Amino acid sequence: MLHPFKRKIAMNFQRFSEQLATAGEKSLQLQLPTGGSVAPHFHVTEVGKVTKEFVDCGGVQRSEQTCVLQTLVANDVDHRLKANKLAKILEMTNHLNLPSDISVEFEVQGDTVQIFSLDACQIEDAQLTLTLAAKQTACLAPDKCGIGDALPTMNSSGCGDTGCC
């Protein structure tokens, strides 16, 4: 049996959809955790429901789902995605049966594909700023690893000093 769990969800699908509907014709800005932003001519190339089934280091089988929006910055520098257009794209995902409380993430091309969680939406003047947050790993069975609240020290093999891997 899969055991669901909840990680911190800053912005869920329903709230994101509501923010897009409120913003109407406003342009979109993707604010990166570094303080920079994605080029304003980005495209959303796909919206998907991603299911991850896994076993944590304590042996518990788990499952999580996320809504992932893949972005692409192409040579079309005149392209500007508006909030209402992205809202229409999200409406086309009805057959995916996305739960309203599913967390929203963005795939952004950097040196490699980077995945960020959607942390907040803020309407300012003529744009809707989507603030992205860096994702963090977490041990889901700290009692089995003996790490408690302390993070393990990683050695050169990538394994911690707790013996859990």
N, C-alpha and C. Protein backbone atom coordinates (compact mmCIF):
# COMPACT_ATOMS: atom_id res chain seq x y z
N MET A 1 0.84 -1.18 0.00
CA MET A 1 0.00 0.00 0.00
C MET A 1 0.89 1.25 0.00
N LEU A 2 0.54 2.20 -0.84
CA LEU A 2 1.29 3.45 -0.90
C LEU A 2 0.83 4.38 0.20
N HIS A 3 1.79 5.00 0.88
CA HIS A 3 1.48 5.95 1.94
C HIS A 3 1.68 7.36 1.40
N PRO A 4 0.59 8.14 1.29
CA PRO A 4 0.77 9.51 0.83
C PRO A 4 1.42 10.34 1.93
N PHE A 5 2.09 11.38 1.54
CA PHE A 5 2.68 12.30 2.51
C PHE A 5 2.59 13.69 1.92
N LYS A 6 2.74 14.65 2.75
CA LYS A 6 2.67 16.04 2.30
C LYS A 6 3.98 16.74 2.62
N ARG A 7 4.58 17.34 1.60
CA ARG A 7 5.69 18.25 1.79
C ARG A 7 5.08 19.64 1.78
N LYS A 8 5.85 20.63 2.13
CA LYS A 8 5.34 22.00 2.14
C LYS A 8 4.87 22.39 0.74
N ILE A 9 3.62 22.79 0.63
CA ILE A 9 3.07 23.25 -0.63
C ILE A 9 2.83 24.74 -0.49
N ALA A 10 3.59 25.53 -1.23
CA ALA A 10 3.44 26.98 -1.14
C ALA A 10 2.26 27.45 -1.99
N MET A 11 2.10 26.91 -3.18
CA MET A 11 1.02 27.33 -4.07
C MET A 11 0.43 26.11 -4.73
N ASN A 12 -0.87 25.91 -4.53
CA ASN A 12 -1.51 24.76 -5.16
C ASN A 12 -2.18 25.17 -6.48
N PHE A 13 -2.63 24.18 -7.23
CA PHE A 13 -3.18 24.38 -8.57
C PHE A 13 -4.39 25.30 -8.54
N GLN A 14 -5.29 25.11 -7.60
CA GLN A 14 -6.49 25.94 -7.54
C GLN A 14 -6.15 27.41 -7.29
N ARG A 15 -5.29 27.66 -6.33
CA ARG A 15 -4.90 29.04 -6.01
C ARG A 15 -4.17 29.68 -7.19
N PHE A 16 -3.30 28.93 -7.85
CA PHE A 16 -2.59 29.42 -9.02
C PHE A 16 -3.58 29.79 -10.13
N SER A 17 -4.54 28.92 -10.39
CA SER A 17 -5.55 29.18 -11.42
C SER A 17 -6.36 30.44 -11.09
N GLU A 18 -6.70 30.61 -9.83
CA GLU A 18 -7.45 31.80 -9.40
C GLU A 18 -6.63 33.06 -9.62
N GLN A 19 -5.34 33.01 -9.29
CA GLN A 19 -4.47 34.17 -9.48
C GLN A 19 -4.36 34.54 -10.96
N LEU A 20 -4.26 33.53 -11.83
CA LEU A 20 -4.20 33.80 -13.27
C LEU A 20 -5.49 34.45 -13.76
N ALA A 21 -6.63 33.95 -13.29
CA ALA A 21 -7.92 34.51 -13.70
C ALA A 21 -8.06 35.96 -13.24
N THR A 22 -7.59 36.26 -12.05
CA THR A 22 -7.64 37.62 -11.51
C THR A 22 -6.75 38.57 -12.31
N ALA A 23 -5.63 38.07 -12.78
CA ALA A 23 -4.63 38.92 -13.46
C ALA A 23 -5.02 39.29 -14.89
N GLY A 24 -5.88 38.52 -15.52
CA GLY A 24 -6.37 38.85 -16.87
C GLY A 24 -5.27 39.04 -17.89
N GLU A 25 -5.19 40.23 -18.48
CA GLU A 25 -4.26 40.54 -19.57
C GLU A 25 -2.84 40.88 -19.12
N LYS A 26 -2.56 40.75 -17.86
CA LYS A 26 -1.22 41.12 -17.35
C LYS A 26 -0.16 40.15 -17.89
N SER A 27 1.02 40.68 -18.12
CA SER A 27 2.13 39.83 -18.56
C SER A 27 2.63 39.03 -17.36
N LEU A 28 3.41 38.02 -17.66
CA LEU A 28 3.93 37.13 -16.62
C LEU A 28 5.43 37.31 -16.46
N GLN A 29 5.88 37.24 -15.23
CA GLN A 29 7.31 37.22 -14.95
C GLN A 29 7.58 36.03 -14.04
N LEU A 30 8.58 35.23 -14.40
CA LEU A 30 9.02 34.12 -13.55
C LEU A 30 10.25 34.58 -12.79
N GLN A 31 10.08 34.80 -11.50
CA GLN A 31 11.17 35.27 -10.62
C GLN A 31 11.89 34.05 -10.04
N LEU A 32 13.17 33.94 -10.31
CA LEU A 32 13.97 32.81 -9.82
C LEU A 32 14.42 33.04 -8.38
N PRO A 33 14.73 31.98 -7.65
CA PRO A 33 15.20 32.12 -6.27
C PRO A 33 16.48 32.93 -6.14
N THR A 34 17.26 32.99 -7.21
CA THR A 34 18.52 33.74 -7.20
C THR A 34 18.32 35.25 -7.29
N GLY A 35 17.09 35.67 -7.57
CA GLY A 35 16.80 37.09 -7.75
C GLY A 35 16.67 37.46 -9.22
N GLY A 36 17.20 36.62 -10.10
CA GLY A 36 17.06 36.85 -11.54
C GLY A 36 15.68 36.42 -11.99
N SER A 37 15.45 36.51 -13.28
CA SER A 37 14.17 36.07 -13.82
C SER A 37 14.37 35.38 -15.16
N VAL A 38 13.37 34.60 -15.54
CA VAL A 38 13.37 33.94 -16.84
C VAL A 38 13.06 35.01 -17.88
N ALA A 39 13.66 34.90 -19.06
CA ALA A 39 13.43 35.88 -20.13
C ALA A 39 11.93 36.06 -20.35
N PRO A 40 11.48 37.29 -20.56
CA PRO A 40 10.04 37.56 -20.65
C PRO A 40 9.34 36.93 -21.85
N HIS A 41 10.09 36.41 -22.81
CA HIS A 41 9.48 35.77 -23.97
C HIS A 41 9.42 34.24 -23.83
N PHE A 42 9.35 33.77 -22.58
CA PHE A 42 9.27 32.32 -22.35
C PHE A 42 7.92 31.77 -22.83
N HIS A 43 7.93 30.52 -23.19
CA HIS A 43 6.73 29.77 -23.57
C HIS A 43 6.47 28.72 -22.49
N VAL A 44 5.22 28.34 -22.30
CA VAL A 44 4.90 27.15 -21.52
C VAL A 44 4.61 26.08 -22.55
N THR A 45 5.50 25.08 -22.63
CA THR A 45 5.41 24.09 -23.69
C THR A 45 4.58 22.88 -23.32
N GLU A 46 4.42 22.64 -22.03
CA GLU A 46 3.56 21.53 -21.60
C GLU A 46 3.17 21.70 -20.14
N VAL A 47 2.02 21.12 -19.81
CA VAL A 47 1.54 21.06 -18.43
C VAL A 47 1.24 19.59 -18.16
N GLY A 48 1.82 19.06 -17.11
CA GLY A 48 1.63 17.64 -16.84
C GLY A 48 1.37 17.33 -15.39
N LYS A 49 0.77 16.19 -15.18
CA LYS A 49 0.60 15.64 -13.83
C LYS A 49 1.65 14.55 -13.69
N VAL A 50 2.59 14.75 -12.77
CA VAL A 50 3.68 13.81 -12.57
C VAL A 50 3.44 13.05 -11.27
N THR A 51 3.45 11.73 -11.38
CA THR A 51 3.29 10.88 -10.21
C THR A 51 4.62 10.21 -9.92
N LYS A 52 5.05 10.32 -8.68
CA LYS A 52 6.31 9.70 -8.24
C LYS A 52 5.96 8.68 -7.17
N GLU A 53 6.31 7.43 -7.42
CA GLU A 53 6.13 6.36 -6.44
C GLU A 53 7.52 5.91 -6.04
N PHE A 54 7.75 5.82 -4.73
CA PHE A 54 9.09 5.51 -4.27
C PHE A 54 9.04 4.88 -2.88
N VAL A 55 10.18 4.38 -2.47
CA VAL A 55 10.36 3.82 -1.15
C VAL A 55 11.38 4.70 -0.43
N ASP A 56 11.01 5.19 0.76
CA ASP A 56 11.96 6.04 1.49
C ASP A 56 13.01 5.16 2.16
N CYS A 57 14.01 5.78 2.75
CA CYS A 57 15.13 5.03 3.33
C CYS A 57 14.73 4.24 4.57
N GLY A 58 13.51 4.43 5.05
CA GLY A 58 12.99 3.63 6.16
C GLY A 58 12.17 2.45 5.69
N GLY A 59 12.03 2.29 4.35
CA GLY A 59 11.31 1.17 3.79
C GLY A 59 9.83 1.42 3.55
N VAL A 60 9.36 2.64 3.74
CA VAL A 60 7.95 2.95 3.54
C VAL A 60 7.72 3.34 2.08
N GLN A 61 6.76 2.68 1.44
CA GLN A 61 6.41 3.00 0.07
C GLN A 61 5.53 4.24 0.08
N ARG A 62 5.83 5.20 -0.80
CA ARG A 62 5.13 6.49 -0.82
C ARG A 62 4.78 6.89 -2.24
N SER A 63 3.90 7.88 -2.34
CA SER A 63 3.50 8.40 -3.64
C SER A 63 3.22 9.89 -3.50
N GLU A 64 3.62 10.66 -4.52
CA GLU A 64 3.28 12.08 -4.54
C GLU A 64 2.99 12.49 -5.97
N GLN A 65 2.15 13.50 -6.12
CA GLN A 65 1.82 14.03 -7.43
C GLN A 65 2.10 15.53 -7.44
N THR A 66 2.55 16.01 -8.59
CA THR A 66 2.76 17.44 -8.78
C THR A 66 2.27 17.82 -10.17
N CYS A 67 1.90 19.08 -10.32
CA CYS A 67 1.57 19.66 -11.62
C CYS A 67 2.82 20.41 -12.07
N VAL A 68 3.38 20.00 -13.20
CA VAL A 68 4.63 20.60 -13.68
C VAL A 68 4.38 21.34 -14.99
N LEU A 69 4.78 22.61 -15.01
CA LEU A 69 4.71 23.43 -16.21
C LEU A 69 6.12 23.55 -16.76
N GLN A 70 6.31 23.06 -17.98
CA GLN A 70 7.62 23.14 -18.61
C GLN A 70 7.72 24.43 -19.41
N THR A 71 8.81 25.16 -19.22
CA THR A 71 9.00 26.42 -19.94
C THR A 71 10.13 26.28 -20.95
N LEU A 72 10.09 27.14 -21.93
CA LEU A 72 11.12 27.19 -22.96
C LEU A 72 11.32 28.64 -23.34
N VAL A 73 12.56 29.07 -23.40
CA VAL A 73 12.89 30.39 -23.92
C VAL A 73 13.44 30.15 -25.32
N ALA A 74 12.67 30.56 -26.31
CA ALA A 74 13.05 30.34 -27.71
C ALA A 74 13.53 31.65 -28.33
N ASN A 75 13.78 31.59 -29.63
CA ASN A 75 14.26 32.77 -30.35
C ASN A 75 13.15 33.78 -30.64
N ASP A 76 11.92 33.44 -30.35
CA ASP A 76 10.78 34.32 -30.59
C ASP A 76 10.73 35.39 -29.49
N VAL A 77 11.55 36.42 -29.63
CA VAL A 77 11.68 37.43 -28.57
C VAL A 77 10.46 38.35 -28.48
N ASP A 78 9.58 38.30 -29.47
CA ASP A 78 8.37 39.12 -29.42
C ASP A 78 7.24 38.43 -28.67
N HIS A 79 7.42 37.16 -28.36
CA HIS A 79 6.39 36.40 -27.65
C HIS A 79 6.25 36.90 -26.23
N ARG A 80 5.03 37.10 -25.80
CA ARG A 80 4.77 37.48 -24.40
C ARG A 80 3.52 36.76 -23.95
N LEU A 81 3.69 35.82 -23.04
CA LEU A 81 2.58 35.05 -22.51
C LEU A 81 1.84 35.90 -21.48
N LYS A 82 0.55 36.01 -21.64
CA LYS A 82 -0.30 36.76 -20.70
C LYS A 82 -0.95 35.78 -19.73
N ALA A 83 -1.33 36.30 -18.59
CA ALA A 83 -1.94 35.47 -17.56
C ALA A 83 -3.20 34.76 -18.06
N ASN A 84 -4.05 35.47 -18.81
CA ASN A 84 -5.28 34.84 -19.29
C ASN A 84 -5.01 33.72 -20.29
N LYS A 85 -3.95 33.84 -21.10
CA LYS A 85 -3.58 32.78 -22.04
C LYS A 85 -3.10 31.53 -21.27
N LEU A 86 -2.30 31.74 -20.23
CA LEU A 86 -1.86 30.60 -19.42
C LEU A 86 -3.05 29.97 -18.70
N ALA A 87 -4.01 30.78 -18.27
CA ALA A 87 -5.22 30.24 -17.64
C ALA A 87 -5.96 29.33 -18.62
N LYS A 88 -6.03 29.72 -19.89
CA LYS A 88 -6.69 28.89 -20.92
C LYS A 88 -5.93 27.59 -21.15
N ILE A 89 -4.61 27.67 -21.10
CA ILE A 89 -3.80 26.46 -21.24
C ILE A 89 -4.10 25.51 -20.09
N LEU A 90 -4.18 26.04 -18.87
CA LEU A 90 -4.49 25.19 -17.72
C LEU A 90 -5.88 24.57 -17.82
N GLU A 91 -6.83 25.30 -18.41
CA GLU A 91 -8.18 24.76 -18.59
C GLU A 91 -8.17 23.54 -19.49
N MET A 92 -7.21 23.46 -20.40
CA MET A 92 -7.12 22.31 -21.32
C MET A 92 -6.63 21.05 -20.62
N THR A 93 -6.27 21.15 -19.35
CA THR A 93 -5.76 19.99 -18.62
C THR A 93 -6.86 19.26 -17.85
N ASN A 94 -8.12 19.61 -18.07
CA ASN A 94 -9.22 19.01 -17.31
C ASN A 94 -9.18 17.48 -17.32
N HIS A 95 -8.84 16.88 -18.44
CA HIS A 95 -8.81 15.42 -18.54
C HIS A 95 -7.69 14.79 -17.71
N LEU A 96 -6.75 15.59 -17.23
CA LEU A 96 -5.68 15.07 -16.37
C LEU A 96 -6.17 14.86 -14.93
N ASN A 97 -7.35 15.40 -14.62
CA ASN A 97 -7.92 15.29 -13.28
C ASN A 97 -6.93 15.74 -12.21
N LEU A 98 -6.42 16.95 -12.39
CA LEU A 98 -5.49 17.52 -11.42
C LEU A 98 -6.24 17.88 -10.15
N PRO A 99 -5.85 17.34 -9.01
CA PRO A 99 -6.51 17.73 -7.76
C PRO A 99 -6.27 19.22 -7.49
N SER A 100 -7.25 19.88 -6.92
CA SER A 100 -7.12 21.33 -6.67
C SER A 100 -5.98 21.65 -5.72
N ASP A 101 -5.63 20.69 -4.85
CA ASP A 101 -4.57 20.95 -3.86
C ASP A 101 -3.19 20.45 -4.31
N ILE A 102 -3.07 20.02 -5.56
CA ILE A 102 -1.78 19.54 -6.07
C ILE A 102 -0.80 20.71 -6.15
N SER A 103 0.45 20.46 -5.79
CA SER A 103 1.46 21.53 -5.83
C SER A 103 1.87 21.80 -7.27
N VAL A 104 2.27 23.06 -7.52
CA VAL A 104 2.66 23.50 -8.86
C VAL A 104 4.16 23.72 -8.89
N GLU A 105 4.79 23.20 -9.95
CA GLU A 105 6.22 23.36 -10.15
C GLU A 105 6.48 23.83 -11.57
N PHE A 106 7.62 24.46 -11.76
CA PHE A 106 8.05 24.92 -13.08
C PHE A 106 9.39 24.29 -13.43
N GLU A 107 9.49 23.77 -14.65
CA GLU A 107 10.76 23.32 -15.21
C GLU A 107 11.33 24.48 -16.01
N VAL A 108 12.55 24.86 -15.69
CA VAL A 108 13.20 25.99 -16.34
C VAL A 108 14.56 25.52 -16.85
N GLN A 109 14.89 25.88 -18.08
CA GLN A 109 16.18 25.50 -18.64
C GLN A 109 17.27 26.42 -18.10
N GLY A 110 18.26 25.84 -17.46
CA GLY A 110 19.46 26.56 -17.02
C GLY A 110 20.63 25.83 -17.63
N ASP A 111 21.66 25.56 -16.85
CA ASP A 111 22.75 24.70 -17.32
C ASP A 111 22.21 23.30 -17.59
N THR A 112 21.19 22.94 -16.85
CA THR A 112 20.43 21.72 -17.04
C THR A 112 18.99 22.08 -16.72
N VAL A 113 18.07 21.15 -16.82
CA VAL A 113 16.69 21.45 -16.46
C VAL A 113 16.62 21.60 -14.95
N GLN A 114 16.09 22.72 -14.50
CA GLN A 114 15.94 22.99 -13.08
C GLN A 114 14.45 22.97 -12.75
N ILE A 115 14.11 22.40 -11.61
CA ILE A 115 12.71 22.33 -11.19
C ILE A 115 12.55 23.15 -9.93
N PHE A 116 11.60 24.08 -9.99
CA PHE A 116 11.32 24.97 -8.87
C PHE A 116 9.86 24.84 -8.47
N SER A 117 9.58 25.01 -7.19
CA SER A 117 8.19 25.05 -6.76
C SER A 117 7.68 26.47 -6.89
N LEU A 118 6.38 26.61 -7.15
CA LEU A 118 5.76 27.93 -7.21
C LEU A 118 5.48 28.37 -5.79
N ASP A 119 6.12 29.45 -5.38
CA ASP A 119 6.03 29.91 -4.00
C ASP A 119 4.93 30.95 -3.81
N ALA A 120 4.78 31.87 -4.76
CA ALA A 120 3.81 32.96 -4.59
C ALA A 120 3.51 33.61 -5.93
N CYS A 121 2.38 34.31 -5.98
CA CYS A 121 1.98 35.12 -7.12
C CYS A 121 1.66 36.52 -6.60
N GLN A 122 2.14 37.52 -7.31
CA GLN A 122 1.88 38.89 -6.88
C GLN A 122 1.60 39.76 -8.10
N ILE A 123 0.47 40.46 -8.05
CA ILE A 123 0.10 41.37 -9.13
C ILE A 123 0.68 42.74 -8.82
N GLU A 124 1.47 43.26 -9.76
CA GLU A 124 2.07 44.59 -9.64
C GLU A 124 1.93 45.28 -10.98
N ASP A 125 1.31 46.43 -10.98
CA ASP A 125 1.15 47.22 -12.20
C ASP A 125 0.63 46.35 -13.34
N ALA A 126 1.42 46.19 -14.40
CA ALA A 126 0.98 45.49 -15.59
C ALA A 126 1.43 44.03 -15.65
N GLN A 127 1.92 43.48 -14.53
CA GLN A 127 2.39 42.10 -14.60
C GLN A 127 2.03 41.29 -13.36
N LEU A 128 2.00 39.99 -13.58
CA LEU A 128 1.83 39.02 -12.50
C LEU A 128 3.18 38.35 -12.32
N THR A 129 3.78 38.53 -11.16
CA THR A 129 5.07 37.92 -10.87
C THR A 129 4.85 36.59 -10.18
N LEU A 130 5.41 35.54 -10.77
CA LEU A 130 5.36 34.19 -10.21
C LEU A 130 6.71 33.93 -9.55
N THR A 131 6.72 33.88 -8.24
CA THR A 131 7.96 33.69 -7.50
C THR A 131 8.23 32.20 -7.34
N LEU A 132 9.37 31.77 -7.84
CA LEU A 132 9.75 30.36 -7.77
C LEU A 132 10.70 30.15 -6.60
N ALA A 133 10.63 28.97 -5.99
CA ALA A 133 11.47 28.64 -4.85
C ALA A 133 12.28 27.39 -5.17
N ALA A 134 13.50 27.35 -4.66
CA ALA A 134 14.35 26.17 -4.83
C ALA A 134 13.74 25.01 -4.06
N LYS A 135 13.80 23.84 -4.66
CA LYS A 135 13.32 22.64 -3.97
C LYS A 135 14.44 22.08 -3.11
N GLN A 136 14.08 21.44 -2.03
CA GLN A 136 15.04 20.86 -1.10
C GLN A 136 14.75 19.38 -0.91
N THR A 137 15.78 18.60 -0.72
CA THR A 137 15.58 17.20 -0.37
C THR A 137 15.34 17.10 1.13
N ALA A 138 14.75 15.99 1.54
CA ALA A 138 14.48 15.77 2.96
C ALA A 138 14.49 14.28 3.23
N CYS A 139 14.93 13.91 4.40
CA CYS A 139 14.85 12.52 4.83
C CYS A 139 13.45 12.32 5.40
N LEU A 140 12.72 11.33 4.88
CA LEU A 140 11.36 11.07 5.33
C LEU A 140 11.30 10.06 6.46
N ALA A 141 12.44 9.49 6.81
CA ALA A 141 12.50 8.52 7.90
C ALA A 141 13.68 8.81 8.81
N PRO A 142 13.73 10.03 9.39
CA PRO A 142 14.89 10.39 10.20
C PRO A 142 15.07 9.49 11.43
N ASP A 143 13.99 8.91 11.91
CA ASP A 143 14.09 8.00 13.06
C ASP A 143 14.83 6.72 12.69
N LYS A 144 14.73 6.30 11.44
CA LYS A 144 15.43 5.09 10.97
C LYS A 144 16.92 5.37 10.72
N CYS A 145 17.23 6.59 10.31
CA CYS A 145 18.61 6.96 9.99
C CYS A 145 19.35 7.50 11.19
N GLY A 146 18.62 7.94 12.18
CA GLY A 146 19.24 8.49 13.36
C GLY A 146 19.74 9.91 13.19
N ILE A 147 19.20 10.63 12.20
CA ILE A 147 19.69 11.99 11.99
C ILE A 147 18.90 13.03 12.77
N GLY A 148 17.71 12.67 13.24
CA GLY A 148 16.90 13.63 13.98
C GLY A 148 16.67 14.87 13.15
N ASP A 149 16.85 16.03 13.75
CA ASP A 149 16.67 17.29 13.03
C ASP A 149 17.95 17.76 12.36
N ALA A 150 19.07 17.11 12.63
CA ALA A 150 20.35 17.53 12.06
C ALA A 150 20.53 16.92 10.68
N LEU A 151 21.07 17.68 9.77
CA LEU A 151 21.37 17.17 8.44
C LEU A 151 22.69 16.42 8.49
N PRO A 152 22.78 15.28 7.79
CA PRO A 152 24.04 14.54 7.79
C PRO A 152 25.11 15.26 7.00
N THR A 153 26.36 14.98 7.33
CA THR A 153 27.49 15.51 6.58
C THR A 153 27.75 14.56 5.43
N MET A 154 27.82 15.09 4.20
CA MET A 154 28.04 14.25 3.04
C MET A 154 29.53 14.00 2.84
N ASN A 155 29.87 12.75 2.50
CA ASN A 155 31.26 12.45 2.18
C ASN A 155 31.44 12.43 0.67
N SER A 156 32.60 12.10 0.19
CA SER A 156 32.90 12.18 -1.24
C SER A 156 32.06 11.22 -2.07
N SER A 157 31.53 10.15 -1.47
CA SER A 157 30.69 9.22 -2.24
C SER A 157 29.25 9.70 -2.31
N GLY A 158 28.92 10.81 -1.61
CA GLY A 158 27.56 11.33 -1.62
C GLY A 158 26.70 10.72 -0.53
N CYS A 159 27.29 9.89 0.32
CA CYS A 159 26.54 9.25 1.40
C CYS A 159 26.85 9.95 2.71
N GLY A 160 25.86 10.08 3.54
CA GLY A 160 26.04 10.76 4.81
C GLY A 160 26.76 9.92 5.84
N ASP A 161 27.06 10.53 6.96
CA ASP A 161 27.80 9.85 8.02
C ASP A 161 26.87 9.10 8.97
N THR A 162 25.57 9.01 8.63
CA THR A 162 24.63 8.34 9.53
C THR A 162 24.46 6.86 9.22
N GLY A 163 24.94 6.44 8.06
CA GLY A 163 24.82 5.03 7.68
C GLY A 163 23.47 4.67 7.07
N CYS A 164 22.65 5.65 6.69
CA CYS A 164 21.33 5.32 6.16
C CYS A 164 21.37 4.98 4.68
N CYS A 165 22.50 5.14 4.00
CA CYS A 165 22.54 4.79 2.58
C CYS A 165 23.70 3.88 2.27
